[in-house]
N, C-alpha and C. Protein backbone atom coordinates (compact mmCIF):
# COMPACT_ATOMS: atom_id res chain seq x y z
N MET A 1 17.00 5.02 -6.81
CA MET A 1 16.03 6.00 -6.91
C MET A 1 15.29 5.63 -7.76
N ILE A 2 14.15 5.92 -7.59
CA ILE A 2 12.77 5.69 -8.24
C ILE A 2 12.73 7.39 -9.00
N GLU A 3 12.71 7.02 -10.38
CA GLU A 3 12.27 8.35 -11.51
C GLU A 3 10.97 8.45 -11.60
N ILE A 4 10.80 9.69 -11.29
CA ILE A 4 9.19 9.61 -11.78
C ILE A 4 8.23 8.96 -12.45
N THR A 5 8.84 9.54 -13.58
CA THR A 5 9.01 9.74 -14.91
C THR A 5 8.27 7.79 -15.67
N GLU A 6 9.58 7.25 -15.02
CA GLU A 6 9.45 5.38 -14.98
C GLU A 6 8.81 4.99 -14.94
N PHE A 7 8.40 5.84 -13.38
CA PHE A 7 7.22 4.92 -12.44
C PHE A 7 6.05 5.10 -13.16
N LYS A 8 5.92 6.05 -13.77
CA LYS A 8 4.45 6.45 -14.74
C LYS A 8 4.37 5.45 -15.67
N GLN A 9 5.29 5.75 -16.83
CA GLN A 9 5.24 4.51 -17.27
C GLN A 9 5.94 3.50 -17.16
N ASN A 10 6.31 2.75 -16.01
CA ASN A 10 5.43 0.95 -15.93
C ASN A 10 4.27 1.45 -15.20
N LEU A 11 3.46 1.81 -15.24
CA LEU A 11 1.72 1.85 -14.40
C LEU A 11 0.99 2.26 -15.71
N ASN A 12 1.69 2.67 -17.15
CA ASN A 12 1.06 2.96 -17.87
C ASN A 12 -0.07 4.11 -18.16
N LEU A 13 0.40 4.90 -16.86
CA LEU A 13 -0.53 6.32 -16.62
C LEU A 13 0.67 7.35 -16.92
N GLN A 14 -0.77 8.44 -17.58
CA GLN A 14 -0.12 10.13 -17.19
C GLN A 14 0.76 10.59 -16.16
N GLU A 15 -0.63 10.78 -15.31
CA GLU A 15 -0.81 11.19 -13.74
C GLU A 15 -0.65 10.25 -12.69
N ILE A 16 0.36 10.34 -11.50
CA ILE A 16 -0.50 9.48 -10.04
C ILE A 16 -1.00 10.99 -9.33
N PRO A 17 -0.88 9.85 -8.46
CA PRO A 17 -1.91 10.95 -7.40
C PRO A 17 -0.93 11.56 -6.36
N VAL A 18 -1.14 12.81 -6.27
CA VAL A 18 0.44 13.93 -6.00
C VAL A 18 0.51 13.27 -4.34
N GLU A 19 0.38 12.48 -3.45
CA GLU A 19 0.06 11.87 -2.50
C GLU A 19 1.11 10.64 -2.32
N LEU A 20 0.90 10.17 -3.52
CA LEU A 20 2.16 9.30 -4.38
C LEU A 20 3.66 9.52 -4.56
N GLU A 21 3.23 10.76 -5.40
CA GLU A 21 4.08 11.42 -5.94
C GLU A 21 5.12 12.63 -5.02
N LYS A 22 5.13 12.73 -4.03
CA LYS A 22 5.87 13.52 -2.95
C LYS A 22 6.13 12.24 -2.01
N LEU A 23 5.70 11.18 -1.74
CA LEU A 23 5.71 9.80 -0.65
C LEU A 23 6.54 9.43 -1.42
N ILE A 24 7.03 9.91 -2.49
CA ILE A 24 8.46 9.00 -3.93
C ILE A 24 9.14 10.03 -3.30
N TYR A 25 9.18 11.61 -3.55
CA TYR A 25 9.81 11.98 -2.86
C TYR A 25 10.40 12.03 -2.44
N PHE A 26 9.56 12.30 -1.32
CA PHE A 26 10.25 11.88 0.29
C PHE A 26 11.78 10.56 0.70
N GLN A 27 10.81 9.62 -0.38
CA GLN A 27 11.71 8.23 -0.14
C GLN A 27 13.52 8.82 -0.80
N ASN A 28 13.04 9.22 -2.07
CA ASN A 28 14.13 9.75 -2.50
C ASN A 28 15.48 10.88 -1.53
N THR A 29 14.76 11.29 -1.28
CA THR A 29 15.49 11.89 -1.30
C THR A 29 15.86 13.16 0.68
N ILE A 30 14.78 12.28 0.88
CA ILE A 30 15.07 12.30 2.72
C ILE A 30 15.50 11.58 3.98
N SER A 31 14.48 10.31 3.12
CA SER A 31 14.72 9.35 3.98
C SER A 31 15.31 8.52 2.57
N SER A 32 15.00 6.93 2.81
CA SER A 32 15.69 5.12 1.71
C SER A 32 14.44 4.73 2.11
N TYR A 33 14.75 3.55 0.47
CA TYR A 33 13.85 2.53 0.24
C TYR A 33 13.76 1.13 2.24
N GLU A 34 13.21 1.01 2.66
CA GLU A 34 12.39 0.49 4.30
C GLU A 34 13.26 0.98 5.23
N ASN A 35 14.25 2.60 5.23
CA ASN A 35 14.35 2.94 6.08
C ASN A 35 12.92 4.21 6.88
N TYR A 36 11.34 4.79 6.27
CA TYR A 36 10.80 5.42 7.21
C TYR A 36 10.14 4.25 8.25
N SER A 37 9.48 3.29 7.86
CA SER A 37 8.51 2.25 7.33
C SER A 37 8.72 1.04 7.77
N GLN A 38 9.20 0.37 9.35
CA GLN A 38 9.55 -0.91 8.80
C GLN A 38 9.05 -1.94 7.47
N GLY A 39 9.87 -2.75 6.92
CA GLY A 39 9.40 -2.88 5.84
C GLY A 39 9.07 -2.74 4.13
N PHE A 40 8.85 -1.11 4.09
CA PHE A 40 8.04 -0.62 3.32
C PHE A 40 9.21 0.41 1.96
N GLY A 41 8.87 0.30 1.27
CA GLY A 41 9.26 0.37 -0.20
C GLY A 41 8.55 0.91 -1.29
N VAL A 42 8.28 1.77 -1.98
CA VAL A 42 8.03 2.71 -2.81
C VAL A 42 9.03 1.80 -3.52
N LEU A 43 7.92 0.96 -5.22
CA LEU A 43 9.57 0.44 -5.92
C LEU A 43 8.40 0.19 -7.69
N ILE A 44 9.07 -0.26 -8.26
CA ILE A 44 8.77 0.25 -9.01
C ILE A 44 8.61 -1.71 -10.35
N ASP A 45 7.51 -1.48 -10.40
CA ASP A 45 7.07 -3.03 -10.03
C ASP A 45 6.22 -3.77 -11.45
N ASP A 46 6.77 -4.57 -12.53
CA ASP A 46 6.37 -5.00 -13.61
C ASP A 46 5.09 -6.49 -13.63
N LYS A 47 4.31 -6.04 -12.56
CA LYS A 47 3.13 -6.67 -12.23
C LYS A 47 3.75 -8.62 -12.12
N SER A 48 4.81 -8.72 -11.79
CA SER A 48 5.64 -10.31 -11.38
C SER A 48 4.78 -11.42 -10.85
N GLY A 49 4.36 -10.21 -10.07
CA GLY A 49 3.84 -10.71 -8.76
C GLY A 49 2.46 -11.08 -8.80
N LEU A 50 1.92 -10.39 -9.09
CA LEU A 50 0.58 -10.22 -9.90
C LEU A 50 -0.05 -11.03 -10.44
N LYS A 51 0.91 -11.23 -11.55
CA LYS A 51 0.49 -12.46 -12.77
C LYS A 51 0.90 -13.68 -11.69
N SER A 52 1.86 -14.18 -10.72
CA SER A 52 1.24 -15.07 -10.19
C SER A 52 -0.21 -15.88 -9.53
N TRP A 53 -0.93 -14.23 -10.04
CA TRP A 53 -1.96 -14.53 -9.21
C TRP A 53 -3.08 -14.75 -9.92
N SER A 54 -3.78 -14.32 -11.51
CA SER A 54 -3.56 -14.26 -12.41
C SER A 54 -3.53 -13.33 -13.50
N GLU A 55 -3.26 -13.59 -14.79
CA GLU A 55 -2.27 -13.06 -15.94
C GLU A 55 -3.96 -13.13 -16.70
N ASP A 56 -5.07 -13.13 -16.12
CA ASP A 56 -6.15 -11.93 -17.11
C ASP A 56 -6.02 -10.68 -16.74
N GLU A 57 -5.96 -9.69 -18.16
CA GLU A 57 -6.15 -9.04 -18.53
C GLU A 57 -7.00 -7.72 -17.66
N GLY A 58 -7.87 -8.20 -17.44
CA GLY A 58 -9.31 -6.71 -16.55
C GLY A 58 -8.96 -7.64 -15.02
N PHE A 59 -7.58 -8.56 -14.34
CA PHE A 59 -7.23 -8.13 -13.20
C PHE A 59 -6.04 -7.42 -13.45
N LEU A 60 -5.11 -7.41 -14.51
CA LEU A 60 -3.34 -7.32 -14.66
C LEU A 60 -4.06 -5.57 -14.25
N ASN A 61 -5.52 -5.18 -15.21
CA ASN A 61 -5.37 -3.74 -15.74
C ASN A 61 -6.04 -3.05 -14.70
N SER A 62 -6.57 -3.77 -13.94
CA SER A 62 -7.18 -2.82 -12.39
C SER A 62 -6.90 -2.79 -11.18
N LEU A 63 -5.28 -3.20 -11.75
CA LEU A 63 -4.64 -3.18 -10.18
C LEU A 63 -3.20 -2.49 -10.09
N LEU A 64 -2.71 -1.97 -9.67
CA LEU A 64 -1.34 -1.03 -9.88
C LEU A 64 -1.06 -1.72 -8.83
N PRO A 65 0.18 -2.18 -8.19
CA PRO A 65 1.36 -2.25 -7.41
C PRO A 65 2.08 -0.98 -7.51
N PHE A 66 3.01 -0.51 -6.39
CA PHE A 66 3.05 0.32 -6.74
C PHE A 66 4.80 0.72 -4.76
N ALA A 67 4.61 -0.98 -4.37
CA ALA A 67 4.74 -0.62 -3.66
C ALA A 67 4.80 -2.15 -2.49
N GLN A 68 5.88 -2.39 -1.92
CA GLN A 68 6.48 -3.47 -0.50
C GLN A 68 6.03 -3.36 0.41
N ALA A 69 5.86 -4.30 0.35
CA ALA A 69 4.53 -4.40 2.05
C ALA A 69 5.54 -5.01 3.31
N ASN A 70 6.54 -5.94 3.51
CA ASN A 70 6.75 -6.65 3.90
C ASN A 70 8.56 -7.59 3.45
N GLY A 71 9.31 -7.61 4.46
CA GLY A 71 10.66 -8.21 4.14
C GLY A 71 10.70 -9.58 3.06
N SER A 72 8.59 -9.97 3.39
CA SER A 72 8.66 -11.59 2.89
C SER A 72 7.66 -11.55 1.20
N GLY A 73 7.68 -10.68 0.96
CA GLY A 73 6.88 -10.57 -0.47
C GLY A 73 5.96 -9.92 -0.77
N SER A 74 5.30 -9.67 0.34
CA SER A 74 4.27 -9.45 0.31
C SER A 74 4.32 -7.57 -0.59
N PHE A 75 2.55 -7.35 -1.59
CA PHE A 75 2.95 -6.00 -1.67
C PHE A 75 1.73 -5.31 -1.59
N TYR A 76 1.73 -3.84 -1.74
CA TYR A 76 0.58 -2.74 -2.31
C TYR A 76 0.10 -3.12 -3.31
N ALA A 77 -0.89 -2.35 -3.89
CA ALA A 77 -1.84 -2.62 -4.67
C ALA A 77 -2.65 -1.53 -4.77
N ILE A 78 -3.30 -0.36 -5.87
CA ILE A 78 -3.52 0.16 -6.14
C ILE A 78 -5.35 0.10 -6.44
N TRP A 79 -6.20 -0.18 -6.29
CA TRP A 79 -7.51 -1.18 -6.83
C TRP A 79 -8.26 -0.32 -7.33
N ASN A 80 -8.38 -0.39 -9.14
CA ASN A 80 -9.51 0.64 -9.68
C ASN A 80 -10.22 -0.31 -9.27
N ASN A 81 -12.15 -0.11 -8.76
CA ASN A 81 -12.41 -0.64 -7.99
C ASN A 81 -14.44 -0.31 -8.97
N GLY A 82 -14.11 0.62 -10.12
CA GLY A 82 -14.53 0.94 -11.13
C GLY A 82 -15.54 2.14 -10.93
N ALA A 83 -15.40 2.83 -10.02
CA ALA A 83 -15.61 3.62 -9.37
C ALA A 83 -15.75 4.83 -10.27
N GLU A 84 -14.99 5.24 -11.74
CA GLU A 84 -14.77 6.38 -11.49
C GLU A 84 -14.52 7.16 -11.34
N GLN A 85 -13.51 7.04 -10.02
CA GLN A 85 -13.18 8.21 -9.29
C GLN A 85 -11.39 8.41 -9.44
N PRO A 86 -10.75 9.91 -9.06
CA PRO A 86 -9.53 9.80 -8.91
C PRO A 86 -8.71 8.49 -8.08
N LEU A 87 -7.54 8.23 -9.27
CA LEU A 87 -6.31 7.21 -8.03
C LEU A 87 -6.38 7.56 -7.10
N ASN A 88 -6.22 8.39 -6.26
CA ASN A 88 -6.07 9.24 -5.04
C ASN A 88 -7.46 8.64 -3.96
N LYS A 89 -7.73 8.38 -4.75
CA LYS A 89 -9.34 8.12 -4.07
C LYS A 89 -9.62 6.07 -4.59
N MET A 90 -8.74 5.48 -4.62
CA MET A 90 -9.32 4.54 -5.05
C MET A 90 -8.62 3.53 -4.07
N PRO A 91 -8.90 2.55 -3.71
CA PRO A 91 -8.75 1.47 -2.20
C PRO A 91 -6.94 0.95 -2.48
N VAL A 92 -7.14 0.49 -1.65
CA VAL A 92 -5.24 0.24 -1.18
C VAL A 92 -5.65 -1.38 -1.05
N ALA A 93 -5.03 -1.91 -1.73
CA ALA A 93 -4.84 -3.96 -1.70
C ALA A 93 -3.29 -3.54 -1.10
N VAL A 94 -3.81 -4.93 0.07
CA VAL A 94 -2.30 -6.04 -0.19
C VAL A 94 -2.20 -7.40 -0.36
N PHE A 95 -1.19 -7.46 -1.08
CA PHE A 95 -1.02 -8.61 -1.59
C PHE A 95 -0.07 -9.68 -0.97
N GLY A 96 -0.88 -10.33 -0.04
CA GLY A 96 0.31 -11.44 1.04
C GLY A 96 1.39 -12.66 0.47
N ASP A 97 3.08 -13.03 0.32
CA ASP A 97 3.31 -13.74 0.07
C ASP A 97 2.81 -14.99 0.70
N GLU A 98 1.80 -15.33 1.55
CA GLU A 98 1.53 -16.61 1.30
C GLU A 98 -0.12 -17.01 1.26
N GLY A 99 -0.46 -16.30 0.55
CA GLY A 99 -1.42 -15.65 -0.27
C GLY A 99 -2.82 -15.41 -0.34
N GLY A 100 -2.94 -14.49 1.96
CA GLY A 100 -4.07 -13.24 1.22
C GLY A 100 -3.87 -12.21 1.00
N VAL A 101 -5.13 -11.84 0.75
CA VAL A 101 -5.15 -10.27 -0.51
C VAL A 101 -6.64 -9.78 0.44
N HIS A 102 -6.16 -8.60 0.94
CA HIS A 102 -7.53 -7.78 1.28
C HIS A 102 -6.90 -6.61 1.52
N ILE A 103 -7.91 -6.03 0.80
CA ILE A 103 -7.85 -3.59 1.55
C ILE A 103 -7.27 -3.83 2.09
N VAL A 104 -6.98 -2.15 2.36
CA VAL A 104 -6.53 -2.05 3.61
C VAL A 104 -6.56 -0.55 3.96
N ALA A 105 -7.18 0.33 2.38
CA ALA A 105 -7.49 1.02 3.01
C ALA A 105 -8.10 2.12 2.10
N GLU A 106 -9.01 3.31 2.23
CA GLU A 106 -9.90 3.28 1.43
C GLU A 106 -9.74 3.90 1.13
N ASN A 107 -7.92 4.87 0.93
CA ASN A 107 -7.54 5.43 -0.29
C ASN A 107 -5.63 6.05 -0.19
N ILE A 108 -4.79 6.25 -0.96
CA ILE A 108 -3.64 6.89 -0.81
C ILE A 108 -3.16 8.01 0.62
N LEU A 109 -4.42 8.59 0.77
CA LEU A 109 -3.98 9.28 2.39
C LEU A 109 -4.00 8.76 3.11
N GLN A 110 -5.22 7.75 3.37
CA GLN A 110 -5.24 6.07 4.38
C GLN A 110 -4.37 5.51 4.61
N PHE A 111 -3.70 5.06 3.38
CA PHE A 111 -2.60 4.23 3.48
C PHE A 111 -0.91 4.93 4.10
N LEU A 112 -1.40 5.88 3.48
CA LEU A 112 0.21 6.98 3.99
C LEU A 112 0.18 6.76 5.77
N HIS A 113 -0.81 7.17 5.85
CA HIS A 113 -1.41 7.42 7.46
C HIS A 113 -1.22 6.24 7.84
N LEU A 114 -1.41 4.96 7.21
CA LEU A 114 -0.82 3.11 7.92
C LEU A 114 0.36 3.07 8.59
N LEU A 115 1.27 3.50 7.36
CA LEU A 115 3.02 3.60 7.69
C LEU A 115 3.28 4.27 8.87
N THR A 116 2.55 5.54 9.17
CA THR A 116 2.38 5.95 10.52
C THR A 116 3.44 5.60 11.34
N PHE A 117 2.65 4.21 11.81
CA PHE A 117 2.51 3.14 12.40
C PHE A 117 3.58 2.33 12.58
N ASP A 118 4.50 2.34 11.66
CA ASP A 118 6.04 1.50 11.36
C ASP A 118 6.06 0.53 12.72
N ASN A 119 6.08 -0.56 11.46
CA ASN A 119 5.43 -1.60 10.89
C ASN A 119 5.32 -2.80 9.84
N GLU A 120 5.83 -3.69 9.88
CA GLU A 120 5.90 -4.24 8.96
C GLU A 120 4.28 -4.99 8.57
N ILE A 121 3.35 -5.23 8.10
CA ILE A 121 2.29 -5.99 8.13
C ILE A 121 1.55 -7.06 7.91
N SER A 122 1.02 -7.66 8.61
CA SER A 122 1.01 -9.11 8.45
C SER A 122 -0.23 -9.63 7.67
N VAL A 123 0.20 -10.81 7.33
CA VAL A 123 -1.04 -10.80 6.33
C VAL A 123 -1.02 -11.88 6.24
N GLY A 124 -2.72 -12.52 6.04
CA GLY A 124 -2.95 -13.86 6.08
C GLY A 124 -4.13 -14.16 5.16
N PHE A 125 -4.58 -15.29 5.26
CA PHE A 125 -5.33 -15.77 4.52
C PHE A 125 -7.46 -15.19 5.05
N ASP A 126 -7.06 -14.84 6.23
CA ASP A 126 -8.25 -14.34 6.68
C ASP A 126 -8.51 -12.96 7.22
N GLU A 127 -7.43 -12.73 7.58
CA GLU A 127 -6.99 -10.98 8.08
C GLU A 127 -6.07 -10.63 7.08
N ALA A 128 -5.46 -8.98 7.27
CA ALA A 128 -4.79 -8.25 7.07
C ALA A 128 -4.61 -7.68 8.34
N TYR A 129 -2.65 -7.29 9.40
CA TYR A 129 -3.17 -6.46 10.27
C TYR A 129 -1.81 -6.38 10.36
N PHE A 130 -1.63 -5.21 11.45
CA PHE A 130 -0.64 -4.75 11.82
C PHE A 130 -0.08 -5.30 13.79
N TYR A 131 1.04 -5.23 13.36
CA TYR A 131 1.01 -5.82 15.57
C TYR A 131 3.05 -5.78 15.57
N LYS A 132 2.72 -4.71 16.74
CA LYS A 132 4.30 -4.35 17.35
C LYS A 132 3.62 -5.19 18.88
N GLU A 133 5.96 -5.57 18.52
CA GLU A 133 6.19 -6.02 20.21
C GLU A 133 7.09 -5.43 20.53
N GLU A 134 5.93 -4.08 21.74
CA GLU A 134 6.81 -3.43 22.13
C GLU A 134 8.45 -3.86 22.36
N ASP A 135 8.31 -4.75 23.08
CA ASP A 135 9.96 -5.69 23.61
C ASP A 135 10.47 -5.78 22.76
N ASP A 136 10.19 -5.76 21.81
CA ASP A 136 11.71 -6.24 19.74
C ASP A 136 11.66 -4.45 19.22
N TYR A 137 10.84 -3.74 19.50
CA TYR A 137 10.14 -3.02 18.99
C TYR A 137 11.63 -1.69 18.41
N GLU A 138 12.09 -1.57 17.28
CA GLU A 138 13.24 -0.05 17.39
C GLU A 138 12.68 0.43 16.18
N GLU A 139 12.43 1.30 16.27
CA GLU A 139 11.48 2.49 15.19
C GLU A 139 12.68 2.83 14.53
N SER A 140 12.27 2.41 13.43
CA SER A 140 12.88 2.98 11.72
C SER A 140 13.95 4.20 12.04
N GLU A 141 14.90 4.30 11.03
CA GLU A 141 15.90 5.50 11.53
C GLU A 141 15.44 7.00 10.60
N GLY A 142 14.32 6.84 10.13
CA GLY A 142 13.48 7.89 9.42
C GLY A 142 12.16 7.45 9.49
N LEU A 143 12.04 7.93 10.93
CA LEU A 143 10.42 7.72 10.95
C LEU A 143 10.60 9.08 11.53
N SER A 144 11.44 9.87 12.20
CA SER A 144 10.86 10.88 12.70
C SER A 144 10.09 12.39 11.47
N GLU A 145 11.34 12.04 10.66
CA GLU A 145 11.07 12.43 9.67
C GLU A 145 10.28 12.67 8.81
N TYR A 146 9.38 10.85 8.64
CA TYR A 146 7.78 10.81 8.12
C TYR A 146 7.23 11.46 8.66
N LEU A 147 7.20 10.84 10.11
CA LEU A 147 6.26 11.72 10.79
C LEU A 147 6.18 13.19 10.75
N ALA A 148 7.49 13.85 10.88
CA ALA A 148 6.68 15.03 10.46
C ALA A 148 6.52 15.12 9.03
N TRP A 149 6.97 15.08 8.35
CA TRP A 149 6.29 15.07 6.89
C TRP A 149 4.92 14.78 6.82
N MET A 150 4.10 14.02 7.08
CA MET A 150 3.46 13.55 7.68
C MET A 150 1.92 14.36 8.31
N LYS A 151 2.53 15.10 9.48
CA LYS A 151 2.29 16.00 10.20
C LYS A 151 2.24 17.53 9.55
N GLY A 152 3.63 18.42 8.43
CA GLY A 152 2.81 18.69 7.95
C GLY A 152 2.44 19.18 6.55
N ASP A 153 1.98 17.87 6.25
CA ASP A 153 2.08 18.07 5.22
C ASP A 153 0.32 17.46 4.91
N TYR A 154 -0.40 17.11 5.65
CA TYR A 154 -1.57 16.39 5.92
C TYR A 154 -2.62 16.36 7.10
N GLY A 155 -1.36 16.98 8.07
CA GLY A 155 -2.01 17.47 9.46
C GLY A 155 -2.49 15.93 10.00
N LEU A 156 -1.59 15.30 9.85
CA LEU A 156 -2.07 13.78 10.57
C LEU A 156 -0.73 13.06 11.42
N SER A 157 -0.84 12.80 12.80
CA SER A 157 0.32 11.79 13.54
C SER A 157 -0.34 10.53 13.67
N GLN A 158 0.74 10.00 13.99
CA GLN A 158 1.19 8.85 14.34
C GLN A 158 0.37 8.26 14.48
N ILE A 159 -0.37 7.27 13.90
CA ILE A 159 -1.68 6.65 13.92
C ILE A 159 -1.07 5.40 15.68
N GLU A 160 -2.39 5.29 16.61
CA GLU A 160 -2.28 4.19 17.63
C GLU A 160 -2.63 3.78 17.25
N GLU A 161 -3.52 2.63 16.74
CA GLU A 161 -5.00 1.44 16.17
C GLU A 161 -4.95 1.55 14.54
N PRO A 162 -3.82 1.38 14.10
CA PRO A 162 -4.27 1.03 12.16
C PRO A 162 -5.21 -0.06 12.12
N ASP A 163 -5.10 -0.78 12.97
CA ASP A 163 -6.65 -1.88 12.23
C ASP A 163 -7.49 -1.54 12.48
N LEU A 164 -8.39 -0.01 13.11
CA LEU A 164 -9.31 0.68 13.32
C LEU A 164 -9.19 0.85 11.36
N LEU A 165 -8.41 1.24 10.81
CA LEU A 165 -8.28 2.04 9.08
C LEU A 165 -8.77 1.06 8.40
N ILE A 166 -7.50 -0.44 8.71
CA ILE A 166 -8.05 -1.52 8.67
C ILE A 166 -9.41 -2.21 8.21
N LYS A 167 -10.08 -1.59 9.24
CA LYS A 167 -11.24 -1.87 9.86
C LYS A 167 -12.57 -1.85 9.05
N ALA A 168 -12.40 -0.16 9.08
CA ALA A 168 -12.95 0.92 8.32
C ALA A 168 -13.18 0.44 6.46
N ALA A 169 -11.96 0.77 5.76
CA ALA A 169 -11.56 0.53 4.82
C ALA A 169 -12.70 -1.73 4.45
N GLN A 170 -12.62 -2.23 5.19
CA GLN A 170 -13.24 -3.50 4.65
C GLN A 170 -14.12 -3.55 5.28
N ASP A 171 -14.58 -2.47 6.23
CA ASP A 171 -16.54 -2.54 5.84
C ASP A 171 -16.89 -1.79 4.73
N LYS A 172 -16.39 -0.69 4.31
CA LYS A 172 -16.66 -0.43 3.01
C LYS A 172 -16.32 -0.80 1.88
N HIS A 173 -15.34 -1.69 1.26
CA HIS A 173 -14.34 -2.34 0.14
C HIS A 173 -14.49 -3.99 0.51
N LYS A 174 -15.21 -4.50 1.41
CA LYS A 174 -14.17 -6.29 1.21
C LYS A 174 -15.59 -6.37 0.67
N GLU A 175 -16.67 -6.84 0.83
CA GLU A 175 -17.43 -7.53 -0.05
C GLU A 175 -17.31 -7.14 -1.50
N HIS A 176 -17.34 -6.61 -2.06
CA HIS A 176 -17.26 -5.74 -4.01
C HIS A 176 -15.56 -6.14 -4.23
N PHE A 177 -14.51 -6.21 -3.36
CA PHE A 177 -13.17 -6.57 -3.28
C PHE A 177 -13.41 -7.80 -3.89
N ASP A 178 -14.10 -8.99 -2.73
CA ASP A 178 -14.18 -10.27 -2.56
C ASP A 178 -14.35 -10.72 -4.05
N GLU A 179 -15.91 -10.24 -4.24
CA GLU A 179 -16.93 -10.60 -5.25
C GLU A 179 -16.30 -10.34 -6.57
N TRP A 180 -15.19 -9.53 -6.85
CA TRP A 180 -14.25 -9.15 -7.65
C TRP A 180 -13.50 -9.71 -8.43
N LEU A 181 -12.60 -10.07 -6.97
CA LEU A 181 -11.38 -11.28 -6.95
C LEU A 181 -11.95 -12.45 -7.58
N GLY A 182 -12.86 -13.18 -7.05
CA GLY A 182 -13.33 -14.04 -7.12
C GLY A 182 -13.30 -14.22 -8.35
N GLN A 183 -13.71 -13.42 -9.66
CA GLN A 183 -13.75 -13.97 -10.45
C GLN A 183 -12.74 -14.41 -11.41
N TYR A 184 -11.72 -14.38 -11.11
CA TYR A 184 -10.27 -14.42 -11.55
C TYR A 184 -9.61 -15.20 -10.65
N PHE A 185 -9.67 -16.26 -9.36
CA PHE A 185 -9.75 -16.96 -8.87
C PHE A 185 -10.40 -17.20 -7.44
N GLU A 186 -9.85 -18.47 -6.53
CA GLU A 186 -10.91 -19.02 -5.56
C GLU A 186 -10.10 -18.69 -4.34
N LEU A 187 -11.05 -18.12 -3.63
CA LEU A 187 -11.03 -16.85 -2.57
C LEU A 187 -11.06 -18.16 -1.37
C-alpha cells in the first residue's frame, strides 16, 4: 500500500498530478501492484536506479521515478523538461534495465492509456515498444477494473496500437530529451 503523503515526500513535492493520485488510489483499493497491467506498479523510489545512470544533481532533480515498468528492473520517470508546465503535462520516460532510455508518453494521461495494453514494455538501446504474443498472453486479473476506471474517468478505451502513441511522444520530445541526456552520459 502506497501512502500519498509518503509518495509526495519521497519526490519532494507538495502536490502530484491528480491522475497519478487517482492511479495510486486505484492500485491501493481496487486492484494491486502488477495486477492490472503486466509488470507495472506504482512505487516509492529512492532514485537509486537513476543514480546508476548519473549522480549529477541536475539529472536527479529533473526526473521523478514513480513506477516499475517491467519485471526485470526497468522503471518510469516523469521528466521535467524545463517547459514550466504542470507535472501532469510533462513527458514520461522509461529507463531500461539493460541500458535504453526513451520518452514513451507526452504526459501522464497518455501514459495511463499505454497501460491499458496490458503487457510489459520492452526497452532496448534503440527503442521502447510493446509487443503481445497472442498465443501466450494472459490477461491481468485486474485489467477489466482498470479499463472500466479509464473509461469512466477519462473516456479512454483499451489501446490497440500503443507504439503509435510512443512514436508521437518521440516525435515531439526525443530530440530535446536526447540532447538533455547527453550532458550527463553518452547515449
